[in-house]
Amino acid sequence: MVSRVNIGVIGVGFWGKNHARVFSELEKAELTAVCDVDSKKVENIAEKYGVSSYTTLENLLKNKDVEAVSICTPTTTHYQIALKAFKYGKHILWSATPKKLNTY
C-alpha cells in the first residue's frame, strides 16, 4: 500500500490552483484542504476536488489531517506563513527556498 501525504494548498490563485490540481493527481499525495482569503475562489476549488476550504490560515493549520502545506501566495508573505506552519508542526513544500530561511 502506498503511503500518502495529506496536503493543504495555501493560496488558490494562478499557481495555487495548479498546485491543487497536481496534488490531486499524485499517487503519494492527498489533497486535503485549500485556503484563500477569497471565499468564492477557495470554495470553487474545494468543491472541484472535494476537499475542505478555509479563508483563514490559522483554521487550515489547526486541521490535524493536514501534514504538509504548499505555499502559493505572494512571495512577500511566504516567510510569515512558513513560520506559522512550522509552529503547527506542518511540513512545507516549496519550489524555491525563501532567502530569510537561509541562515546557515
C-alpha atoms as a PDB file:
ATOM      1  CA  MET A   1       0.000   0.000   0.000  1.00  0.00           C
ATOM      2  CA  VAL A   2       1.265   3.470  -0.911  1.00  0.00           C
ATOM      3  CA  SER A   3       1.612   5.917   1.976  1.00  0.00           C
ATOM      4  CA  ARG A   4       0.033   9.255   1.077  1.00  0.00           C
ATOM      5  CA  VAL A   5       0.840  12.692   2.496  1.00  0.00           C
ATOM      6  CA  ASN A   6      -2.153  14.900   3.301  1.00  0.00           C
ATOM      7  CA  ILE A   7      -1.532  18.308   1.756  1.00  0.00           C
ATOM      8  CA  GLY A   8      -3.124  21.729   2.109  1.00  0.00           C
ATOM      9  CA  VAL A   9      -2.616  24.417  -0.508  1.00  0.00           C
ATOM     10  CA  ILE A  10      -2.404  27.979   0.784  1.00  0.00           C
ATOM     11  CA  GLY A  11      -3.470  30.462  -1.869  1.00  0.00           C
ATOM     12  CA  VAL A  12      -5.531  29.298  -4.849  1.00  0.00           C
ATOM     13  CA  GLY A  13      -4.681  31.972  -7.391  1.00  0.00           C
ATOM     14  CA  PHE A  14      -2.704  31.256 -10.569  1.00  0.00           C
ATOM     15  CA  TRP A  15      -0.111  28.917  -9.038  1.00  0.00           C
ATOM     16  CA  GLY A  16      -2.244  27.599  -6.205  1.00  0.00           C
ATOM     17  CA  LYS A  17      -4.992  26.218  -8.405  1.00  0.00           C
ATOM     18  CA  ASN A  18      -2.299  24.388 -10.398  1.00  0.00           C
ATOM     19  CA  HIS A  19      -0.729  23.003  -7.223  1.00  0.00           C
ATOM     20  CA  ALA A  20      -4.171  21.782  -6.110  1.00  0.00           C
ATOM     21  CA  ARG A  21      -4.698  20.034  -9.452  1.00  0.00           C
ATOM     22  CA  VAL A  22      -1.283  18.373  -9.409  1.00  0.00           C
ATOM     23  CA  PHE A  23      -1.534  17.229  -5.785  1.00  0.00           C
ATOM     24  CA  SER A  24      -4.972  15.765  -6.528  1.00  0.00           C
ATOM     25  CA  GLU A  25      -3.395  13.651  -9.284  1.00  0.00           C
ATOM     26  CA  LEU A  26      -0.270  12.398  -7.481  1.00  0.00           C
ATOM     27  CA  GLU A  27      -0.220   8.836  -6.197  1.00  0.00           C
ATOM     28  CA  LYS A  28       1.631   9.697  -2.982  1.00  0.00           C
ATOM     29  CA  ALA A  29      -0.277  12.887  -2.196  1.00  0.00           C
ATOM     30  CA  GLU A  30      -3.779  13.500  -0.910  1.00  0.00           C
ATOM     31  CA  LEU A  31      -5.101  16.992  -1.443  1.00  0.00           C
ATOM     32  CA  THR A  32      -6.909  17.563   1.855  1.00  0.00           C
ATOM     33  CA  ALA A  33      -7.632  21.285   2.091  1.00  0.00           C
ATOM     34  CA  VAL A  34      -7.283  24.620   0.342  1.00  0.00           C
ATOM     35  CA  CYS A  35      -7.097  28.123   1.813  1.00  0.00           C
ATOM     36  CA  ASP A  36      -7.508  31.598   0.354  1.00  0.00           C
ATOM     37  CA  VAL A  37      -8.854  34.952   1.549  1.00  0.00           C
ATOM     38  CA  ASP A  38     -11.179  34.997  -1.493  1.00  0.00           C
ATOM     39  CA  SER A  39     -14.082  32.870  -0.235  1.00  0.00           C
ATOM     40  CA  LYS A  40     -15.675  32.373  -3.650  1.00  0.00           C
ATOM     41  CA  LYS A  41     -12.419  31.278  -5.271  1.00  0.00           C
ATOM     42  CA  VAL A  42     -11.480  28.872  -2.472  1.00  0.00           C
ATOM     43  CA  GLU A  43     -14.970  27.350  -2.324  1.00  0.00           C
ATOM     44  CA  ASN A  44     -14.888  26.699  -6.093  1.00  0.00           C
ATOM     45  CA  ILE A  45     -11.528  24.914  -5.881  1.00  0.00           C
ATOM     46  CA  ALA A  46     -12.590  22.953  -2.777  1.00  0.00           C
ATOM     47  CA  GLU A  47     -15.789  21.819  -4.473  1.00  0.00           C
ATOM     48  CA  LYS A  48     -13.921  20.828  -7.639  1.00  0.00           C
ATOM     49  CA  TYR A  49     -11.605  18.495  -5.686  1.00  0.00           C
ATOM     50  CA  GLY A  50     -13.923  17.504  -2.837  1.00  0.00           C
ATOM     51  CA  VAL A  51     -11.733  18.941  -0.062  1.00  0.00           C
ATOM     52  CA  SER A  52     -12.127  21.296   2.898  1.00  0.00           C
ATOM     53  CA  SER A  53     -11.928  25.042   2.301  1.00  0.00           C
ATOM     54  CA  TYR A  54     -10.646  27.740   4.642  1.00  0.00           C
ATOM     55  CA  THR A  55     -10.497  31.521   4.437  1.00  0.00           C
ATOM     56  CA  THR A  56      -8.056  31.877   7.345  1.00  0.00           C
ATOM     57  CA  LEU A  57      -4.586  30.404   7.553  1.00  0.00           C
ATOM     58  CA  GLU A  58      -4.913  29.512  11.234  1.00  0.00           C
ATOM     59  CA  ASN A  59      -8.002  27.386  10.644  1.00  0.00           C
ATOM     60  CA  LEU A  60      -6.259  25.389   7.930  1.00  0.00           C
ATOM     61  CA  LEU A  61      -3.185  24.933  10.130  1.00  0.00           C
ATOM     62  CA  LYS A  62      -5.375  23.697  13.012  1.00  0.00           C
ATOM     63  CA  ASN A  63      -6.611  20.846  10.794  1.00  0.00           C
ATOM     64  CA  LYS A  64      -4.688  17.867  12.165  1.00  0.00           C
ATOM     65  CA  ASP A  65      -5.280  15.907   8.955  1.00  0.00           C
ATOM     66  CA  VAL A  66      -3.096  18.356   7.006  1.00  0.00           C
ATOM     67  CA  GLU A  67       0.507  17.142   7.286  1.00  0.00           C
ATOM     68  CA  ALA A  68       2.154  19.458   4.772  1.00  0.00           C
ATOM     69  CA  VAL A  69       1.354  22.743   3.069  1.00  0.00           C
ATOM     70  CA  SER A  70       2.194  24.213  -0.288  1.00  0.00           C
ATOM     71  CA  ILE A  71       2.529  27.985  -0.016  1.00  0.00           C
ATOM     72  CA  CYS A  72       1.218  29.659  -3.186  1.00  0.00           C
ATOM     73  CA  THR A  73       0.747  33.219  -2.014  1.00  0.00           C
ATOM     74  CA  PRO A  74       2.681  36.357  -2.998  1.00  0.00           C
ATOM     75  CA  THR A  75       6.393  35.863  -2.288  1.00  0.00           C
ATOM     76  CA  THR A  76       6.495  38.592   0.356  1.00  0.00           C
ATOM     77  CA  THR A  77       4.103  36.530   2.521  1.00  0.00           C
ATOM     78  CA  HIS A  78       5.978  33.207   2.366  1.00  0.00           C
ATOM     79  CA  TYR A  79       8.240  33.750   5.375  1.00  0.00           C
ATOM     80  CA  GLN A  80       5.464  34.602   7.857  1.00  0.00           C
ATOM     81  CA  ILE A  81       3.209  31.821   6.555  1.00  0.00           C
ATOM     82  CA  ALA A  82       6.037  29.295   6.808  1.00  0.00           C
ATOM     83  CA  LEU A  83       6.809  30.316  10.394  1.00  0.00           C
ATOM     84  CA  LYS A  84       3.171  29.810  11.369  1.00  0.00           C
ATOM     85  CA  ALA A  85       3.050  26.461   9.581  1.00  0.00           C
ATOM     86  CA  PHE A  86       6.214  25.280  11.370  1.00  0.00           C
ATOM     87  CA  LYS A  87       4.668  26.266  14.711  1.00  0.00           C
ATOM     88  CA  TYR A  88       1.742  23.979  13.918  1.00  0.00           C
ATOM     89  CA  GLY A  89       4.126  21.147  13.027  1.00  0.00           C
ATOM     90  CA  LYS A  90       3.460  21.196   9.287  1.00  0.00           C
ATOM     91  CA  HIS A  91       5.934  20.259   6.595  1.00  0.00           C
ATOM     92  CA  ILE A  92       6.488  22.962   3.968  1.00  0.00           C
ATOM     93  CA  LEU A  93       6.549  22.256   0.227  1.00  0.00           C
ATOM     94  CA  TRP A  94       8.332  24.925  -1.809  1.00  0.00           C
ATOM     95  CA  SER A  95       9.693  25.227  -5.295  1.00  0.00           C
ATOM     96  CA  ALA A  96      12.288  27.723  -4.002  1.00  0.00           C
ATOM     97  CA  THR A  97      13.723  28.424  -0.558  1.00  0.00           C
ATOM     98  CA  PRO A  98      12.920  31.874   0.832  1.00  0.00           C
ATOM     99  CA  LYS A  99      16.086  33.868   1.462  1.00  0.00           C
ATOM    100  CA  LYS A 100      15.173  34.660   5.079  1.00  0.00           C
ATOM    101  CA  LEU A 101      15.314  30.953   5.968  1.00  0.00           C
ATOM    102  CA  ASN A 102      18.880  30.592   4.643  1.00  0.00           C
ATOM    103  CA  THR A 103      20.581  31.175   7.984  1.00  0.00           C
ATOM    104  CA  TYR A 104      23.289  28.513   7.924  1.00  0.00           C
END
